[in-house]
Every structure is written in C-alpha cells, then in structure tokens.
N, C-alpha and C. Protein backbone atom coordinates (compact mmCIF):
# COMPACT_ATOMS: atom_id res chain seq x y z
N VAL A 1 0.87 -73.86 51.53
CA VAL A 1 -0.29 -73.02 51.50
C VAL A 1 0.15 -71.50 51.58
N VAL A 2 -0.40 -70.69 50.71
CA VAL A 2 -0.09 -69.22 50.72
C VAL A 2 -1.43 -68.52 50.82
N LEU A 3 -1.52 -67.69 51.87
CA LEU A 3 -2.76 -66.87 51.98
C LEU A 3 -2.42 -65.45 51.55
N VAL A 4 -3.21 -64.90 50.61
CA VAL A 4 -3.06 -63.59 50.17
C VAL A 4 -4.29 -62.82 50.63
N LEU A 5 -4.09 -61.88 51.58
CA LEU A 5 -5.22 -61.20 52.19
C LEU A 5 -5.09 -59.69 51.91
N ASP A 6 -6.07 -59.16 51.15
CA ASP A 6 -6.03 -57.71 50.84
C ASP A 6 -7.14 -56.98 51.71
N GLU A 7 -6.64 -56.23 52.66
CA GLU A 7 -7.51 -55.47 53.60
C GLU A 7 -8.56 -56.45 54.26
N PRO A 8 -8.12 -57.55 54.87
CA PRO A 8 -9.06 -58.56 55.37
C PRO A 8 -10.01 -58.11 56.48
N THR A 9 -9.65 -57.01 57.10
CA THR A 9 -10.51 -56.56 58.22
C THR A 9 -11.25 -55.26 57.87
N ARG A 10 -11.21 -54.81 56.64
CA ARG A 10 -11.97 -53.62 56.30
C ARG A 10 -13.41 -53.83 56.50
N GLY A 11 -14.03 -52.95 57.24
CA GLY A 11 -15.51 -52.94 57.42
C GLY A 11 -15.96 -53.89 58.49
N VAL A 12 -15.12 -54.50 59.23
CA VAL A 12 -15.53 -55.47 60.24
C VAL A 12 -15.29 -54.84 61.62
N ASP A 13 -16.07 -55.35 62.63
CA ASP A 13 -15.91 -54.78 63.97
C ASP A 13 -14.71 -55.36 64.66
N ILE A 14 -14.41 -54.78 65.85
CA ILE A 14 -13.17 -55.14 66.55
C ILE A 14 -13.11 -56.58 66.96
N VAL A 15 -14.21 -57.17 67.29
CA VAL A 15 -14.26 -58.56 67.72
C VAL A 15 -13.91 -59.47 66.42
N ALA A 16 -14.53 -59.15 65.37
CA ALA A 16 -14.24 -59.86 64.09
C ALA A 16 -12.75 -59.68 63.69
N ARG A 17 -12.24 -58.48 63.86
CA ARG A 17 -10.76 -58.30 63.52
C ARG A 17 -9.89 -59.22 64.34
N ALA A 18 -10.17 -59.25 65.58
CA ALA A 18 -9.38 -60.19 66.42
C ALA A 18 -9.52 -61.62 66.07
N GLU A 19 -10.71 -62.02 65.71
CA GLU A 19 -10.91 -63.41 65.21
C GLU A 19 -10.19 -63.72 63.91
N ILE A 20 -10.23 -62.80 63.00
CA ILE A 20 -9.56 -62.94 61.74
C ILE A 20 -7.97 -63.07 61.98
N ALA A 21 -7.43 -62.15 62.84
CA ALA A 21 -6.08 -62.21 63.12
C ALA A 21 -5.68 -63.53 63.79
N ALA A 22 -6.51 -63.94 64.72
CA ALA A 22 -6.20 -65.25 65.44
C ALA A 22 -6.19 -66.49 64.41
N ARG A 23 -7.12 -66.46 63.53
CA ARG A 23 -7.19 -67.57 62.60
C ARG A 23 -5.98 -67.48 61.56
N VAL A 24 -5.62 -66.28 61.23
CA VAL A 24 -4.49 -66.18 60.28
C VAL A 24 -3.17 -66.58 61.01
N ARG A 25 -3.05 -66.20 62.30
CA ARG A 25 -1.85 -66.61 63.08
C ARG A 25 -1.81 -68.08 63.23
N GLU A 26 -2.97 -68.67 63.40
CA GLU A 26 -3.02 -70.14 63.50
C GLU A 26 -2.58 -70.86 62.22
N ALA A 27 -3.04 -70.33 61.09
CA ALA A 27 -2.59 -70.84 59.79
C ALA A 27 -1.09 -70.68 59.63
N ALA A 28 -0.56 -69.53 60.01
CA ALA A 28 0.86 -69.24 59.88
C ALA A 28 1.58 -70.21 60.77
N GLY A 29 1.09 -70.41 61.96
CA GLY A 29 1.75 -71.37 62.91
C GLY A 29 1.78 -72.85 62.33
N GLU A 30 0.85 -73.12 61.49
CA GLU A 30 0.81 -74.46 60.85
C GLU A 30 1.64 -74.52 59.56
N GLY A 31 2.33 -73.39 59.25
CA GLY A 31 3.23 -73.37 58.10
C GLY A 31 2.80 -72.63 56.88
N ALA A 32 1.59 -71.98 56.91
CA ALA A 32 1.17 -71.19 55.76
C ALA A 32 1.93 -69.87 55.70
N ALA A 33 2.28 -69.50 54.51
CA ALA A 33 2.83 -68.17 54.23
C ALA A 33 1.69 -67.18 54.05
N VAL A 34 1.83 -66.02 54.70
CA VAL A 34 0.74 -65.05 54.69
C VAL A 34 1.27 -63.72 54.17
N LEU A 35 0.52 -63.18 53.15
CA LEU A 35 0.78 -61.85 52.67
C LEU A 35 -0.51 -61.02 53.00
N TRP A 36 -0.32 -60.11 53.92
CA TRP A 36 -1.45 -59.30 54.45
C TRP A 36 -1.21 -57.87 54.02
N THR A 37 -2.05 -57.37 53.17
CA THR A 37 -2.00 -55.96 52.76
C THR A 37 -3.03 -55.12 53.49
N THR A 38 -2.68 -54.00 54.01
CA THR A 38 -3.51 -53.16 54.72
C THR A 38 -3.05 -51.68 54.68
N SER A 39 -3.98 -50.76 54.79
CA SER A 39 -3.65 -49.37 54.92
C SER A 39 -3.77 -48.92 56.36
N HIS A 40 -4.11 -49.89 57.27
CA HIS A 40 -4.32 -49.58 58.64
C HIS A 40 -2.98 -49.95 59.38
N LEU A 41 -2.16 -48.88 59.64
CA LEU A 41 -0.82 -49.13 60.15
C LEU A 41 -0.77 -49.80 61.52
N GLU A 42 -1.61 -49.42 62.41
CA GLU A 42 -1.66 -50.06 63.73
C GLU A 42 -1.96 -51.55 63.64
N GLU A 43 -2.87 -51.91 62.74
CA GLU A 43 -3.16 -53.27 62.55
C GLU A 43 -1.97 -54.03 61.95
N LEU A 44 -1.19 -53.42 61.03
CA LEU A 44 -0.05 -53.99 60.53
C LEU A 44 1.00 -54.28 61.58
N LEU A 45 1.15 -53.40 62.51
CA LEU A 45 2.08 -53.64 63.60
C LEU A 45 1.64 -54.77 64.56
N GLU A 46 0.34 -55.01 64.58
CA GLU A 46 -0.15 -56.12 65.42
C GLU A 46 -0.02 -57.46 64.76
N VAL A 47 -0.07 -57.57 63.43
CA VAL A 47 -0.14 -58.88 62.79
C VAL A 47 1.13 -59.31 62.14
N ALA A 48 2.02 -58.39 61.76
CA ALA A 48 3.16 -58.70 60.87
C ALA A 48 4.35 -59.21 61.66
N ASP A 49 5.04 -60.12 60.97
CA ASP A 49 6.39 -60.49 61.45
C ASP A 49 7.44 -59.70 60.75
N ASP A 50 7.19 -59.46 59.52
CA ASP A 50 8.15 -58.62 58.65
C ASP A 50 7.22 -57.67 57.84
N VAL A 51 7.75 -56.48 57.56
CA VAL A 51 6.98 -55.48 56.81
C VAL A 51 7.77 -55.11 55.59
N LEU A 52 7.07 -55.14 54.39
CA LEU A 52 7.66 -54.72 53.16
C LEU A 52 6.80 -53.54 52.66
N VAL A 53 7.50 -52.48 52.23
CA VAL A 53 6.76 -51.35 51.62
C VAL A 53 7.01 -51.49 50.12
N VAL A 54 5.86 -51.53 49.41
CA VAL A 54 5.95 -51.70 47.94
C VAL A 54 5.32 -50.45 47.29
N ARG A 55 6.16 -49.97 46.38
CA ARG A 55 5.71 -48.79 45.58
C ARG A 55 6.06 -49.04 44.18
N ASP A 56 5.10 -48.80 43.23
CA ASP A 56 5.39 -48.98 41.79
C ASP A 56 5.95 -50.37 41.51
N HIS A 57 5.35 -51.38 42.14
CA HIS A 57 5.77 -52.81 41.87
C HIS A 57 7.11 -53.15 42.39
N ALA A 58 7.73 -52.38 43.28
CA ALA A 58 9.02 -52.63 43.74
C ALA A 58 9.03 -52.48 45.25
N VAL A 59 9.84 -53.35 45.94
CA VAL A 59 9.97 -53.13 47.39
C VAL A 59 10.98 -51.99 47.61
N VAL A 60 10.53 -50.97 48.30
CA VAL A 60 11.37 -49.78 48.59
C VAL A 60 11.85 -49.72 50.04
N ALA A 61 11.29 -50.56 50.91
CA ALA A 61 11.80 -50.62 52.26
C ALA A 61 11.33 -51.94 52.89
N SER A 62 12.05 -52.44 53.82
CA SER A 62 11.68 -53.64 54.58
C SER A 62 12.27 -53.53 55.93
N ALA A 63 11.63 -54.25 56.86
CA ALA A 63 12.08 -54.36 58.24
C ALA A 63 11.41 -55.45 58.97
N ALA A 64 12.09 -55.98 60.00
CA ALA A 64 11.39 -56.94 60.86
C ALA A 64 10.53 -56.19 61.73
N ARG A 65 9.35 -56.70 62.04
CA ARG A 65 8.34 -56.05 62.89
C ARG A 65 8.96 -55.63 64.24
N ALA A 66 9.81 -56.47 64.78
CA ALA A 66 10.42 -56.15 66.10
C ALA A 66 11.20 -54.88 66.06
N ALA A 67 11.65 -54.41 64.86
CA ALA A 67 12.44 -53.18 64.76
C ALA A 67 11.53 -51.95 64.54
N LEU A 68 10.20 -52.14 64.49
CA LEU A 68 9.36 -51.04 64.10
C LEU A 68 8.43 -50.62 65.26
N ASP A 69 8.18 -49.35 65.32
CA ASP A 69 7.01 -48.77 66.03
C ASP A 69 6.30 -47.94 65.02
N LEU A 70 5.27 -47.26 65.39
CA LEU A 70 4.45 -46.53 64.41
C LEU A 70 5.30 -45.45 63.74
N ASP A 71 6.12 -44.73 64.50
CA ASP A 71 6.98 -43.67 63.89
C ASP A 71 7.92 -44.27 62.89
N ALA A 72 8.60 -45.32 63.28
CA ALA A 72 9.55 -46.00 62.37
C ALA A 72 8.85 -46.52 61.11
N LEU A 73 7.67 -47.03 61.29
CA LEU A 73 6.87 -47.51 60.10
C LEU A 73 6.54 -46.39 59.16
N VAL A 74 6.11 -45.28 59.68
CA VAL A 74 5.85 -44.08 58.84
C VAL A 74 7.04 -43.67 58.12
N ALA A 75 8.19 -43.67 58.81
CA ALA A 75 9.42 -43.28 58.15
C ALA A 75 9.78 -44.24 57.01
N ARG A 76 9.56 -45.54 57.23
CA ARG A 76 9.78 -46.50 56.13
C ARG A 76 8.89 -46.25 54.92
N LEU A 77 7.62 -45.87 55.28
CA LEU A 77 6.68 -45.56 54.17
C LEU A 77 7.15 -44.42 53.40
N ALA A 78 7.81 -43.43 54.01
CA ALA A 78 8.30 -42.27 53.31
C ALA A 78 9.55 -42.51 52.45
N GLU A 79 10.21 -43.56 52.71
CA GLU A 79 11.48 -43.92 52.00
C GLU A 79 11.15 -44.11 50.50
N GLY A 80 11.92 -43.46 49.70
CA GLY A 80 11.75 -43.61 48.26
C GLY A 80 10.54 -42.84 47.69
N ALA A 81 9.79 -42.17 48.54
CA ALA A 81 8.60 -41.40 47.98
C ALA A 81 9.07 -40.31 47.09
N ALA A 82 8.35 -40.15 46.03
CA ALA A 82 8.67 -39.12 45.08
C ALA A 82 7.99 -37.75 45.47
C-alpha cells in the first residue's frame, strides 16, 4: 500500500490534524509507504521520517528527520535554489 497525501491537513482544525497524523502513522506502522507533501514546515517535522526537497521534478536535498530542526530544514529548502 502506498498513500500519497497532498496537503492532507490544509483547512482542518488542530484536533483533526492530530487525528489524520495518527491514522497515517498507524498505516505506516502496518507497512504502508507514505508520501506526504506539505508547505507547512512545522507539520513536516512532526510527521516525517525522511525529508526530500523536490524542485523542477528532481530531488535537490534529502535528510533523515532526526537530523533536522526548522533552521536546518529551511537551509535544505534553499539548497539548489536559483
């Protein structure tokens, strides 16, 4: 099973965000692969195991979540920017 989630918490309240994240973590724990795209950086740091920065259809940076904080994530986003 592969879940592709594009901004899954956009427009939902904080309780619903937590529920969505919990259900996705449960699915991942049962073996599902999850691709979660978001523009909300703090959310990304809460849900991701690994982070890939994609620009113009190519991965321009990657890191394990454990190696990132908000400042490091912003720096990764800036990598390869024109």
